[in-house]
C-alpha cells in the first residue's frame, strides 16, 4: 500500500523563522519523488505541506521554494552599515533600532543593556549593547545627539527585537546634529548581500 504524504512529511512545531526542507521518499509507486515541506507561517506553529514532483534526470531533488529566510527592508527607513535602522520623527529627532538582518545574525536575544536618557551619543560610536545566545554585541549610534527616551519594554521582553525588529525600537535620539553615512533600503539590502 503506498505511503501517504502525511506519513512521509515530518511534523514541525514551535519553529521560529521561515524555512523549507526537502527529502526524498520511496512512495511505493515507482521512482523516488521529491517531498517539499513548506511552512506557511513566520512564527509559532508550523505545519507540513508536502508537494510531490518527480526528480530530475540526475535523480536529484528539485529546489525548494524557500531556500532562505526573506529579509525585510522597509523603504521608509534609513540604515547604517552597522545594521541599525533610523526612523526620522522630525528634522532633529529619530527612533533607532536594529535591523531584521542584525537580529537574524545575532540569534535569540536574551538581554538589552539600554542607554540612559540624557546620555550623549556620537555617530558611529557604541550607544548600548545586546546579549544573544551567541554573544554580546554593541549597538552603534547612527547619529550624534542626546538620548531622549529608551524602550523600557525591552527590559522584560528583549525577544521583541527578534519578532518585530522594526516596531521594537531601542532608543529615541533628539537634538541630532550629525548623521553617519546612512543608506536607503535598496542600498542597505545590497550591502547585506555583499557581507554574505
N, C-alpha and C. Protein backbone atom coordinates (compact mmCIF):
# COMPACT_ATOMS: atom_id res chain seq x y z
N UNK A 1 0.86 -1.20 0.00
CA UNK A 1 0.00 0.00 0.00
C UNK A 1 0.89 1.24 0.00
N UNK A 2 0.66 2.20 -0.90
CA UNK A 2 1.52 3.38 -0.97
C UNK A 2 1.52 4.15 0.34
N UNK A 3 2.66 4.69 0.68
CA UNK A 3 2.76 5.52 1.88
C UNK A 3 2.10 6.86 1.62
N UNK A 4 1.35 7.37 2.57
CA UNK A 4 0.65 8.65 2.38
C UNK A 4 1.61 9.80 2.58
N UNK A 5 1.23 10.97 2.03
CA UNK A 5 2.06 12.17 2.18
C UNK A 5 2.19 12.54 3.64
N UNK A 6 1.11 12.36 4.42
CA UNK A 6 1.17 12.72 5.83
C UNK A 6 2.11 11.82 6.61
N UNK A 7 2.26 10.58 6.15
CA UNK A 7 3.19 9.68 6.83
C UNK A 7 4.64 10.07 6.53
N UNK A 8 4.84 10.54 5.31
CA UNK A 8 6.19 10.89 4.88
C UNK A 8 6.64 12.21 5.49
N UNK A 9 5.75 13.18 5.53
CA UNK A 9 6.14 14.54 5.90
C UNK A 9 6.45 14.64 7.38
N UNK A 10 7.63 15.13 7.75
CA UNK A 10 7.92 15.34 9.16
C UNK A 10 7.05 16.46 9.71
N UNK A 11 6.77 16.42 10.99
CA UNK A 11 5.94 17.46 11.59
C UNK A 11 6.85 18.41 12.39
N UNK A 12 6.56 19.69 12.28
CA UNK A 12 7.35 20.69 12.96
C UNK A 12 6.43 21.52 13.85
N UNK A 13 6.83 21.78 15.09
CA UNK A 13 6.05 22.62 15.98
C UNK A 13 6.94 23.63 16.65
N UNK A 14 6.36 24.80 16.94
CA UNK A 14 7.07 25.86 17.63
C UNK A 14 8.39 26.20 16.95
N UNK A 15 8.31 26.40 15.66
CA UNK A 15 9.52 26.70 14.89
C UNK A 15 9.58 28.19 14.63
N UNK A 16 10.74 28.81 14.89
CA UNK A 16 10.89 30.23 14.68
C UNK A 16 11.57 30.48 13.34
N UNK A 17 11.01 31.39 12.54
CA UNK A 17 11.57 31.69 11.23
C UNK A 17 10.88 30.90 10.14
N UNK A 18 11.21 31.23 8.94
CA UNK A 18 10.64 30.57 7.77
C UNK A 18 11.71 29.66 7.17
N UNK A 19 11.32 28.50 6.71
CA UNK A 19 12.29 27.59 6.15
C UNK A 19 11.58 26.63 5.22
N UNK A 20 12.36 25.92 4.47
CA UNK A 20 11.82 24.83 3.67
C UNK A 20 12.81 23.69 3.74
N UNK A 21 12.34 22.51 3.84
CA UNK A 21 13.20 21.33 3.87
C UNK A 21 12.79 20.41 2.75
N UNK A 22 13.70 19.62 2.24
CA UNK A 22 13.33 18.66 1.22
C UNK A 22 13.93 17.32 1.55
N UNK A 23 13.26 16.28 1.16
CA UNK A 23 13.79 14.94 1.34
C UNK A 23 13.23 14.08 0.23
N UNK A 24 13.91 12.95 -0.01
CA UNK A 24 13.41 12.01 -0.99
C UNK A 24 12.75 10.87 -0.26
N UNK A 25 11.69 10.38 -0.82
CA UNK A 25 10.98 9.28 -0.17
C UNK A 25 10.47 8.30 -1.21
N UNK A 26 10.58 7.01 -0.93
CA UNK A 26 10.04 5.99 -1.80
C UNK A 26 8.56 5.85 -1.48
N UNK A 27 7.72 6.38 -2.36
CA UNK A 27 6.28 6.38 -2.09
C UNK A 27 5.62 5.10 -2.55
N UNK A 28 6.38 4.17 -3.05
CA UNK A 28 5.84 2.87 -3.41
C UNK A 28 5.13 2.82 -4.74
N UNK A 29 5.33 3.87 -5.54
CA UNK A 29 4.62 3.90 -6.83
C UNK A 29 5.59 4.18 -7.97
N UNK A 30 6.82 3.77 -7.81
CA UNK A 30 7.78 3.99 -8.90
C UNK A 30 9.06 4.58 -8.37
N UNK A 31 9.65 5.53 -9.12
CA UNK A 31 10.95 6.10 -8.74
C UNK A 31 10.81 7.00 -7.51
N UNK A 32 11.97 7.41 -7.02
CA UNK A 32 11.95 8.34 -5.91
C UNK A 32 11.28 9.65 -6.32
N UNK A 33 10.60 10.25 -5.39
CA UNK A 33 9.96 11.54 -5.62
C UNK A 33 10.49 12.53 -4.60
N UNK A 34 10.42 13.80 -4.98
CA UNK A 34 10.84 14.86 -4.07
C UNK A 34 9.67 15.24 -3.18
N UNK A 35 9.94 15.32 -1.90
CA UNK A 35 8.93 15.81 -0.95
C UNK A 35 9.37 17.18 -0.51
N UNK A 36 8.58 18.15 -0.80
CA UNK A 36 8.92 19.51 -0.41
C UNK A 36 8.05 19.90 0.78
N UNK A 37 8.67 20.30 1.85
CA UNK A 37 7.96 20.68 3.06
C UNK A 37 8.04 22.20 3.18
N UNK A 38 6.92 22.84 3.35
CA UNK A 38 6.93 24.29 3.41
C UNK A 38 6.09 24.76 4.57
N UNK A 39 6.58 25.75 5.31
CA UNK A 39 5.76 26.33 6.37
C UNK A 39 5.08 27.57 5.83
N UNK A 40 3.88 27.79 6.30
CA UNK A 40 3.11 28.94 5.81
C UNK A 40 3.04 30.03 6.85
N UNK A 41 3.74 29.88 7.96
CA UNK A 41 3.70 30.91 8.97
C UNK A 41 5.11 31.39 9.26
N UNK A 42 5.21 32.59 9.81
CA UNK A 42 6.51 33.17 10.10
C UNK A 42 6.99 32.77 11.49
N UNK A 43 6.10 32.80 12.44
CA UNK A 43 6.45 32.43 13.79
C UNK A 43 5.35 31.58 14.39
N UNK A 44 5.69 30.71 15.34
CA UNK A 44 4.70 29.91 16.03
C UNK A 44 4.57 28.54 15.42
N UNK A 45 3.35 28.03 15.39
CA UNK A 45 3.12 26.68 14.89
C UNK A 45 3.41 26.60 13.39
N UNK A 46 4.07 25.58 12.99
CA UNK A 46 4.34 25.33 11.58
C UNK A 46 3.73 24.00 11.20
N UNK A 47 3.28 23.88 9.96
CA UNK A 47 2.69 22.61 9.56
C UNK A 47 3.31 22.17 8.24
N UNK A 48 3.40 20.87 8.01
CA UNK A 48 3.96 20.41 6.74
C UNK A 48 2.95 20.49 5.62
N UNK A 49 3.41 20.95 4.48
CA UNK A 49 2.55 20.99 3.29
C UNK A 49 3.29 20.34 2.16
N UNK A 50 3.34 18.99 2.14
CA UNK A 50 4.16 18.29 1.15
C UNK A 50 3.61 18.42 -0.26
N UNK A 51 4.52 18.60 -1.18
CA UNK A 51 4.18 18.66 -2.60
C UNK A 51 5.07 17.65 -3.30
N UNK A 52 4.49 16.82 -4.13
CA UNK A 52 5.26 15.79 -4.80
C UNK A 52 5.55 16.20 -6.24
N UNK A 53 6.77 15.96 -6.65
CA UNK A 53 7.13 16.17 -8.06
C UNK A 53 8.25 15.20 -8.40
N UNK A 54 8.30 14.68 -9.62
CA UNK A 54 9.35 13.72 -9.99
C UNK A 54 10.72 14.35 -9.89
N UNK A 55 11.70 13.58 -9.54
CA UNK A 55 13.07 14.07 -9.55
C UNK A 55 13.53 14.26 -10.98
N UNK A 56 14.62 15.02 -11.13
CA UNK A 56 15.10 15.29 -12.47
C UNK A 56 15.92 14.12 -13.00
N UNK A 57 16.54 14.30 -14.15
CA UNK A 57 17.20 13.19 -14.82
C UNK A 57 18.38 12.65 -14.03
N UNK A 58 18.99 13.52 -13.18
CA UNK A 58 20.13 13.07 -12.39
C UNK A 58 19.69 12.52 -11.04
N UNK A 59 18.38 12.37 -10.89
CA UNK A 59 17.81 11.82 -9.66
C UNK A 59 18.08 12.69 -8.43
N UNK A 60 18.24 14.02 -8.68
CA UNK A 60 18.43 14.96 -7.59
C UNK A 60 17.12 15.67 -7.28
N UNK A 61 16.85 15.95 -6.00
CA UNK A 61 15.61 16.64 -5.65
C UNK A 61 15.56 18.02 -6.28
N UNK A 62 14.33 18.46 -6.62
CA UNK A 62 14.14 19.81 -7.11
C UNK A 62 14.42 20.81 -6.00
N UNK A 63 14.73 22.04 -6.38
CA UNK A 63 14.97 23.08 -5.38
C UNK A 63 13.69 23.37 -4.62
N UNK A 64 13.84 23.65 -3.33
CA UNK A 64 12.69 24.05 -2.54
C UNK A 64 12.33 25.49 -2.88
N UNK A 65 11.09 25.88 -2.55
CA UNK A 65 10.62 27.22 -2.90
C UNK A 65 11.17 28.28 -1.96
N UNK A 66 11.49 27.89 -0.71
CA UNK A 66 12.04 28.84 0.24
C UNK A 66 13.41 28.34 0.66
N UNK A 67 14.47 28.88 0.04
CA UNK A 67 15.80 28.41 0.36
C UNK A 67 16.39 29.13 1.55
N UNK A 68 15.98 30.34 1.78
CA UNK A 68 16.49 31.09 2.91
C UNK A 68 15.44 32.10 3.33
N UNK A 69 15.57 32.54 4.56
CA UNK A 69 14.60 33.47 5.10
C UNK A 69 14.67 34.79 4.33
N UNK A 70 13.52 35.35 3.99
CA UNK A 70 13.47 36.60 3.24
C UNK A 70 13.60 37.76 4.22
N UNK A 71 14.59 38.61 4.01
CA UNK A 71 14.81 39.75 4.88
C UNK A 71 13.85 40.88 4.54
N UNK A 72 13.60 41.70 5.54
CA UNK A 72 12.67 42.80 5.41
C UNK A 72 13.44 44.12 5.46
N UNK A 73 13.19 45.01 4.47
CA UNK A 73 13.89 46.29 4.39
C UNK A 73 12.86 47.41 4.13
N UNK A 74 12.15 47.89 5.14
CA UNK A 74 11.13 48.94 4.92
C UNK A 74 11.72 50.16 4.22
N UNK A 75 11.03 50.58 3.17
CA UNK A 75 11.56 51.66 2.33
C UNK A 75 11.57 53.01 3.03
N UNK A 76 10.71 53.19 4.05
CA UNK A 76 10.61 54.50 4.70
C UNK A 76 11.72 54.76 5.71
N UNK A 77 12.55 53.76 5.98
CA UNK A 77 13.62 53.90 6.96
C UNK A 77 14.97 54.13 6.29
N UNK A 78 15.91 54.63 7.08
CA UNK A 78 17.30 54.72 6.68
C UNK A 78 18.09 53.69 7.48
N UNK A 79 19.28 53.32 6.97
CA UNK A 79 20.03 52.23 7.58
C UNK A 79 21.51 52.59 7.69
N UNK A 80 22.16 52.06 8.73
CA UNK A 80 23.60 52.24 8.88
C UNK A 80 24.33 50.97 8.46
N UNK A 81 25.61 51.09 8.19
CA UNK A 81 26.41 49.92 7.85
C UNK A 81 26.70 49.05 9.08
N UNK A 82 26.33 49.56 10.24
CA UNK A 82 26.45 48.77 11.47
C UNK A 82 25.15 48.03 11.78
N UNK A 83 24.18 48.12 10.87
CA UNK A 83 22.93 47.36 10.93
C UNK A 83 21.92 47.91 11.95
N UNK A 84 21.89 49.25 12.04
CA UNK A 84 20.81 49.91 12.77
C UNK A 84 19.89 50.59 11.78
N UNK A 85 18.61 50.69 12.15
CA UNK A 85 17.67 51.46 11.33
C UNK A 85 17.37 52.78 12.02
N UNK A 86 16.98 53.76 11.20
CA UNK A 86 16.69 55.11 11.70
C UNK A 86 15.35 55.55 11.13
N UNK A 87 14.45 55.94 12.02
CA UNK A 87 13.17 56.49 11.60
C UNK A 87 13.09 57.93 12.08
N UNK A 88 13.17 58.86 11.14
CA UNK A 88 13.14 60.28 11.50
C UNK A 88 11.72 60.69 11.89
N UNK A 89 11.59 61.27 13.08
CA UNK A 89 10.28 61.77 13.55
C UNK A 89 10.11 63.23 13.18
N UNK A 90 11.21 63.95 13.18
CA UNK A 90 11.27 65.31 12.64
C UNK A 90 12.72 65.56 12.25
N UNK A 91 13.09 66.79 12.01
CA UNK A 91 14.42 67.06 11.47
C UNK A 91 15.55 66.75 12.46
N UNK A 92 15.24 66.72 13.76
CA UNK A 92 16.31 66.51 14.75
C UNK A 92 15.99 65.40 15.75
N UNK A 93 15.00 64.60 15.47
CA UNK A 93 14.60 63.52 16.39
C UNK A 93 14.37 62.23 15.61
N UNK A 94 14.84 61.12 16.15
CA UNK A 94 14.71 59.85 15.43
C UNK A 94 14.59 58.69 16.41
N UNK A 95 13.90 57.65 15.97
CA UNK A 95 13.91 56.36 16.66
C UNK A 95 14.99 55.50 16.02
N UNK A 96 15.64 54.68 16.84
CA UNK A 96 16.72 53.83 16.36
C UNK A 96 16.51 52.41 16.89
N UNK A 97 16.76 51.42 16.04
CA UNK A 97 16.69 50.02 16.46
C UNK A 97 17.65 49.20 15.62
N UNK A 98 17.60 47.90 15.80
CA UNK A 98 18.45 47.02 14.99
C UNK A 98 17.62 46.43 13.85
N UNK A 99 18.27 46.13 12.76
CA UNK A 99 17.56 45.67 11.56
C UNK A 99 17.20 44.19 11.64
N UNK A 100 16.34 43.80 10.73
CA UNK A 100 15.96 42.39 10.60
C UNK A 100 17.19 41.54 10.32
N UNK A 101 18.07 42.04 9.49
CA UNK A 101 19.31 41.33 9.19
C UNK A 101 20.14 41.13 10.46
N UNK A 102 20.24 42.19 11.28
CA UNK A 102 21.04 42.13 12.50
C UNK A 102 20.50 41.09 13.47
N UNK A 103 19.18 41.13 13.71
CA UNK A 103 18.62 40.19 14.68
C UNK A 103 18.75 38.75 14.19
N UNK A 104 18.67 38.56 12.88
CA UNK A 104 18.82 37.23 12.32
C UNK A 104 20.24 36.70 12.54
N UNK A 105 21.24 37.57 12.37
CA UNK A 105 22.62 37.17 12.56
C UNK A 105 22.94 36.95 14.04
N UNK A 106 22.32 37.73 14.92
CA UNK A 106 22.60 37.62 16.35
C UNK A 106 22.01 36.37 16.96
N UNK A 107 20.85 35.96 16.48
CA UNK A 107 20.14 34.85 17.10
C UNK A 107 19.20 35.34 18.19
N UNK A 108 18.69 34.44 18.99
CA UNK A 108 17.71 34.79 20.02
C UNK A 108 18.31 35.74 21.04
N UNK A 109 17.68 36.91 21.19
CA UNK A 109 18.17 37.92 22.12
C UNK A 109 17.59 37.67 23.51
N UNK A 110 18.45 37.78 24.53
CA UNK A 110 18.02 37.48 25.89
C UNK A 110 18.16 38.68 26.83
N UNK A 111 18.86 39.73 26.41
CA UNK A 111 19.04 40.89 27.28
C UNK A 111 19.42 42.10 26.44
N UNK A 112 18.87 43.26 26.84
CA UNK A 112 19.23 44.53 26.21
C UNK A 112 19.73 45.47 27.30
N UNK A 113 20.96 45.90 27.18
CA UNK A 113 21.54 46.86 28.12
C UNK A 113 21.26 48.26 27.59
N UNK A 114 20.14 48.82 28.00
CA UNK A 114 19.66 50.08 27.44
C UNK A 114 20.53 51.25 27.90
N UNK A 115 20.66 52.28 27.06
CA UNK A 115 21.36 53.50 27.49
C UNK A 115 20.48 54.29 28.46
N UNK A 116 21.03 55.32 29.03
CA UNK A 116 20.29 56.16 29.96
C UNK A 116 19.80 57.42 29.25
N UNK A 117 18.54 57.81 29.49
CA UNK A 117 18.08 59.10 28.95
C UNK A 117 19.00 60.22 29.43
N UNK A 118 19.33 61.11 28.52
CA UNK A 118 20.26 62.18 28.82
C UNK A 118 21.67 61.90 28.36
N UNK A 119 21.99 60.63 28.06
CA UNK A 119 23.31 60.28 27.55
C UNK A 119 23.53 60.91 26.18
N UNK A 120 24.73 61.41 25.96
CA UNK A 120 25.10 61.90 24.63
C UNK A 120 25.68 60.74 23.83
N UNK A 121 25.30 60.67 22.57
CA UNK A 121 25.81 59.62 21.69
C UNK A 121 26.43 60.24 20.44
N UNK A 122 27.43 59.56 19.90
CA UNK A 122 28.13 60.03 18.72
C UNK A 122 27.90 59.07 17.56
N UNK A 123 27.73 59.61 16.39
CA UNK A 123 27.54 58.78 15.20
C UNK A 123 28.72 57.85 15.02
N UNK A 124 28.43 56.54 14.86
CA UNK A 124 29.47 55.56 14.66
C UNK A 124 30.09 55.02 15.92
N UNK A 125 29.63 55.51 17.11
CA UNK A 125 30.15 55.03 18.39
C UNK A 125 29.10 54.17 19.10
N UNK A 126 29.55 53.38 20.07
CA UNK A 126 28.66 52.49 20.79
C UNK A 126 27.66 53.27 21.63
N UNK A 127 26.38 52.89 21.52
CA UNK A 127 25.33 53.53 22.31
C UNK A 127 24.84 52.60 23.43
N UNK A 128 24.81 51.29 23.16
CA UNK A 128 24.39 50.30 24.14
C UNK A 128 24.81 48.94 23.63
N UNK A 129 24.35 47.87 24.29
CA UNK A 129 24.68 46.54 23.78
C UNK A 129 23.52 45.59 24.01
N UNK A 130 23.54 44.51 23.25
CA UNK A 130 22.52 43.48 23.37
C UNK A 130 23.21 42.13 23.54
N UNK A 131 22.55 41.25 24.28
CA UNK A 131 23.11 39.92 24.51
C UNK A 131 22.20 38.88 23.88
N UNK A 132 22.80 38.01 23.10
CA UNK A 132 22.06 36.91 22.49
C UNK A 132 22.59 35.59 23.02
N UNK A 133 22.01 34.51 22.55
CA UNK A 133 22.50 33.20 22.94
C UNK A 133 23.90 32.96 22.39
N UNK A 134 24.33 33.78 21.44
CA UNK A 134 25.65 33.61 20.83
C UNK A 134 26.72 34.47 21.49
N UNK A 135 26.40 35.76 21.76
CA UNK A 135 27.43 36.69 22.23
C UNK A 135 26.79 38.01 22.66
N UNK A 136 27.62 38.88 23.21
CA UNK A 136 27.22 40.26 23.50
C UNK A 136 27.71 41.12 22.35
N UNK A 137 26.83 41.97 21.82
CA UNK A 137 27.17 42.79 20.65
C UNK A 137 26.82 44.25 20.91
N UNK A 138 27.69 45.13 20.45
CA UNK A 138 27.44 46.56 20.57
C UNK A 138 26.36 47.01 19.60
N UNK A 139 25.56 47.97 20.04
CA UNK A 139 24.63 48.67 19.15
C UNK A 139 25.21 50.07 18.96
N UNK A 140 25.52 50.39 17.73
CA UNK A 140 26.16 51.67 17.43
C UNK A 140 25.09 52.75 17.18
N UNK A 141 25.43 53.98 17.57
CA UNK A 141 24.52 55.07 17.26
C UNK A 141 24.77 55.54 15.83
N UNK A 142 23.72 55.61 15.02
CA UNK A 142 23.91 56.08 13.64
C UNK A 142 23.90 57.61 13.54
N UNK A 143 23.65 58.28 14.68
CA UNK A 143 23.56 59.75 14.68
C UNK A 143 24.24 60.30 15.93
N UNK A 144 24.56 61.58 15.88
CA UNK A 144 25.05 62.30 17.05
C UNK A 144 23.89 63.09 17.66
N UNK A 145 23.70 62.90 18.97
CA UNK A 145 22.60 63.59 19.63
C UNK A 145 22.52 63.18 21.09
N UNK A 146 21.33 63.32 21.65
CA UNK A 146 21.10 63.04 23.07
C UNK A 146 19.96 62.03 23.19
N UNK A 147 20.15 61.02 24.05
CA UNK A 147 19.10 60.04 24.29
C UNK A 147 17.93 60.71 24.99
N UNK A 148 16.79 60.74 24.34
CA UNK A 148 15.60 61.35 24.94
C UNK A 148 14.75 60.32 25.68
N UNK A 149 14.77 59.09 25.19
CA UNK A 149 13.89 58.06 25.75
C UNK A 149 14.42 56.69 25.31
N UNK A 150 14.16 55.68 26.13
CA UNK A 150 14.50 54.31 25.76
C UNK A 150 13.25 53.45 25.85
N UNK A 151 13.27 52.35 25.13
CA UNK A 151 12.12 51.45 25.10
C UNK A 151 12.23 50.46 26.27
N UNK A 152 11.62 50.82 27.41
CA UNK A 152 11.74 50.01 28.62
C UNK A 152 11.05 48.66 28.50
N UNK A 153 10.19 48.50 27.52
CA UNK A 153 9.54 47.21 27.30
C UNK A 153 10.58 46.12 27.01
N UNK A 154 11.72 46.54 26.47
CA UNK A 154 12.76 45.57 26.14
C UNK A 154 13.45 44.98 27.37
N UNK A 155 13.30 45.65 28.53
CA UNK A 155 13.87 45.10 29.77
C UNK A 155 13.28 43.73 30.07
N UNK A 156 11.97 43.61 29.89
CA UNK A 156 11.29 42.36 30.19
C UNK A 156 11.11 41.47 28.96
N UNK A 157 11.16 42.07 27.76
CA UNK A 157 10.89 41.31 26.55
C UNK A 157 11.92 41.61 25.45
N UNK A 158 13.17 41.24 25.67
CA UNK A 158 14.20 41.51 24.64
C UNK A 158 13.92 40.78 23.34
N UNK A 159 13.14 39.69 23.42
CA UNK A 159 12.85 38.91 22.21
C UNK A 159 12.02 39.68 21.19
N UNK A 160 11.46 40.83 21.60
CA UNK A 160 10.72 41.66 20.65
C UNK A 160 11.62 42.14 19.51
N UNK A 161 12.90 42.26 19.79
CA UNK A 161 13.84 42.65 18.74
C UNK A 161 13.97 41.57 17.68
N UNK A 162 13.70 40.33 18.05
CA UNK A 162 13.69 39.25 17.07
C UNK A 162 12.36 39.17 16.34
N UNK A 163 11.26 39.26 17.08
CA UNK A 163 9.95 39.00 16.49
C UNK A 163 9.43 40.17 15.67
N UNK A 164 9.81 41.41 16.02
CA UNK A 164 9.31 42.58 15.29
C UNK A 164 10.34 43.70 15.36
N UNK A 165 11.47 43.52 14.68
CA UNK A 165 12.59 44.45 14.85
C UNK A 165 12.31 45.89 14.46
N UNK A 166 11.35 46.12 13.56
CA UNK A 166 11.11 47.50 13.14
C UNK A 166 10.03 48.21 13.95
N UNK A 167 9.39 47.51 14.86
CA UNK A 167 8.50 48.13 15.82
C UNK A 167 9.17 48.25 17.18
N UNK A 168 10.04 47.32 17.49
CA UNK A 168 10.73 47.30 18.78
C UNK A 168 11.95 48.22 18.71
N UNK A 169 11.73 49.53 18.75
CA UNK A 169 12.83 50.49 18.74
C UNK A 169 13.58 50.40 20.07
N UNK A 170 14.84 50.81 20.05
CA UNK A 170 15.67 50.75 21.25
C UNK A 170 15.75 52.11 21.93
N UNK A 171 15.98 53.15 21.16
CA UNK A 171 16.16 54.48 21.75
C UNK A 171 15.62 55.57 20.84
N UNK A 172 15.18 56.63 21.48
CA UNK A 172 14.80 57.84 20.76
C UNK A 172 15.90 58.86 20.99
N UNK A 173 16.43 59.41 19.91
CA UNK A 173 17.52 60.37 19.99
C UNK A 173 17.02 61.72 19.50
N UNK A 174 17.29 62.76 20.29
CA UNK A 174 16.87 64.11 19.89
C UNK A 174 18.09 65.01 19.78
N UNK A 175 17.82 66.26 19.36
CA UNK A 175 18.89 67.25 19.19
C UNK A 175 20.01 66.69 18.30
N UNK A 176 19.60 66.02 17.23
CA UNK A 176 20.57 65.41 16.32
C UNK A 176 21.33 66.49 15.55
N UNK A 177 22.65 66.36 15.56
CA UNK A 177 23.49 67.33 14.85
C UNK A 177 24.32 66.70 13.75
N UNK A 178 24.42 65.37 13.77
CA UNK A 178 25.27 64.73 12.76
C UNK A 178 24.75 63.32 12.51
N UNK A 179 24.89 62.89 11.27
CA UNK A 179 24.50 61.54 10.88
C UNK A 179 25.72 60.79 10.39
N UNK A 180 25.77 59.50 10.70
CA UNK A 180 26.74 58.67 9.99
C UNK A 180 26.19 58.49 8.58
N UNK A 181 26.97 57.91 7.71
CA UNK A 181 26.52 57.75 6.33
C UNK A 181 25.38 56.73 6.29
N UNK A 182 24.17 57.21 6.08
CA UNK A 182 23.00 56.33 6.10
C UNK A 182 22.65 55.87 4.68
N UNK A 183 22.07 54.70 4.61
CA UNK A 183 21.73 54.08 3.34
C UNK A 183 20.23 54.02 3.15
N UNK A 184 19.80 54.02 1.90
CA UNK A 184 18.40 53.75 1.59
C UNK A 184 18.14 52.26 1.76
N UNK A 185 16.88 51.86 1.74
CA UNK A 185 16.54 50.44 1.87
C UNK A 185 17.20 49.62 0.77
N UNK A 186 17.18 50.13 -0.45
CA UNK A 186 17.78 49.42 -1.58
C UNK A 186 19.28 49.28 -1.41
N UNK A 187 19.92 50.37 -0.97
CA UNK A 187 21.37 50.34 -0.77
C UNK A 187 21.74 49.38 0.36
N UNK A 188 20.94 49.39 1.42
CA UNK A 188 21.23 48.52 2.56
C UNK A 188 21.04 47.05 2.21
N UNK A 189 20.02 46.76 1.44
CA UNK A 189 19.80 45.38 1.01
C UNK A 189 21.00 44.87 0.21
N UNK A 190 21.50 45.72 -0.69
CA UNK A 190 22.67 45.34 -1.48
C UNK A 190 23.89 45.16 -0.57
N UNK A 191 24.01 46.00 0.43
CA UNK A 191 25.13 45.92 1.38
C UNK A 191 25.12 44.60 2.14
N UNK A 192 23.94 44.16 2.58
CA UNK A 192 23.85 42.91 3.34
C UNK A 192 24.22 41.72 2.46
N UNK A 193 23.89 41.80 1.17
CA UNK A 193 24.23 40.71 0.27
C UNK A 193 25.74 40.64 0.06
N UNK A 194 26.39 41.80 0.05
CA UNK A 194 27.85 41.84 -0.09
C UNK A 194 28.51 41.21 1.12
N UNK A 195 27.92 41.42 2.31
CA UNK A 195 28.50 40.89 3.54
C UNK A 195 28.43 39.38 3.58
N UNK A 196 27.47 38.82 2.86
CA UNK A 196 27.34 37.36 2.80
C UNK A 196 28.09 36.84 1.60
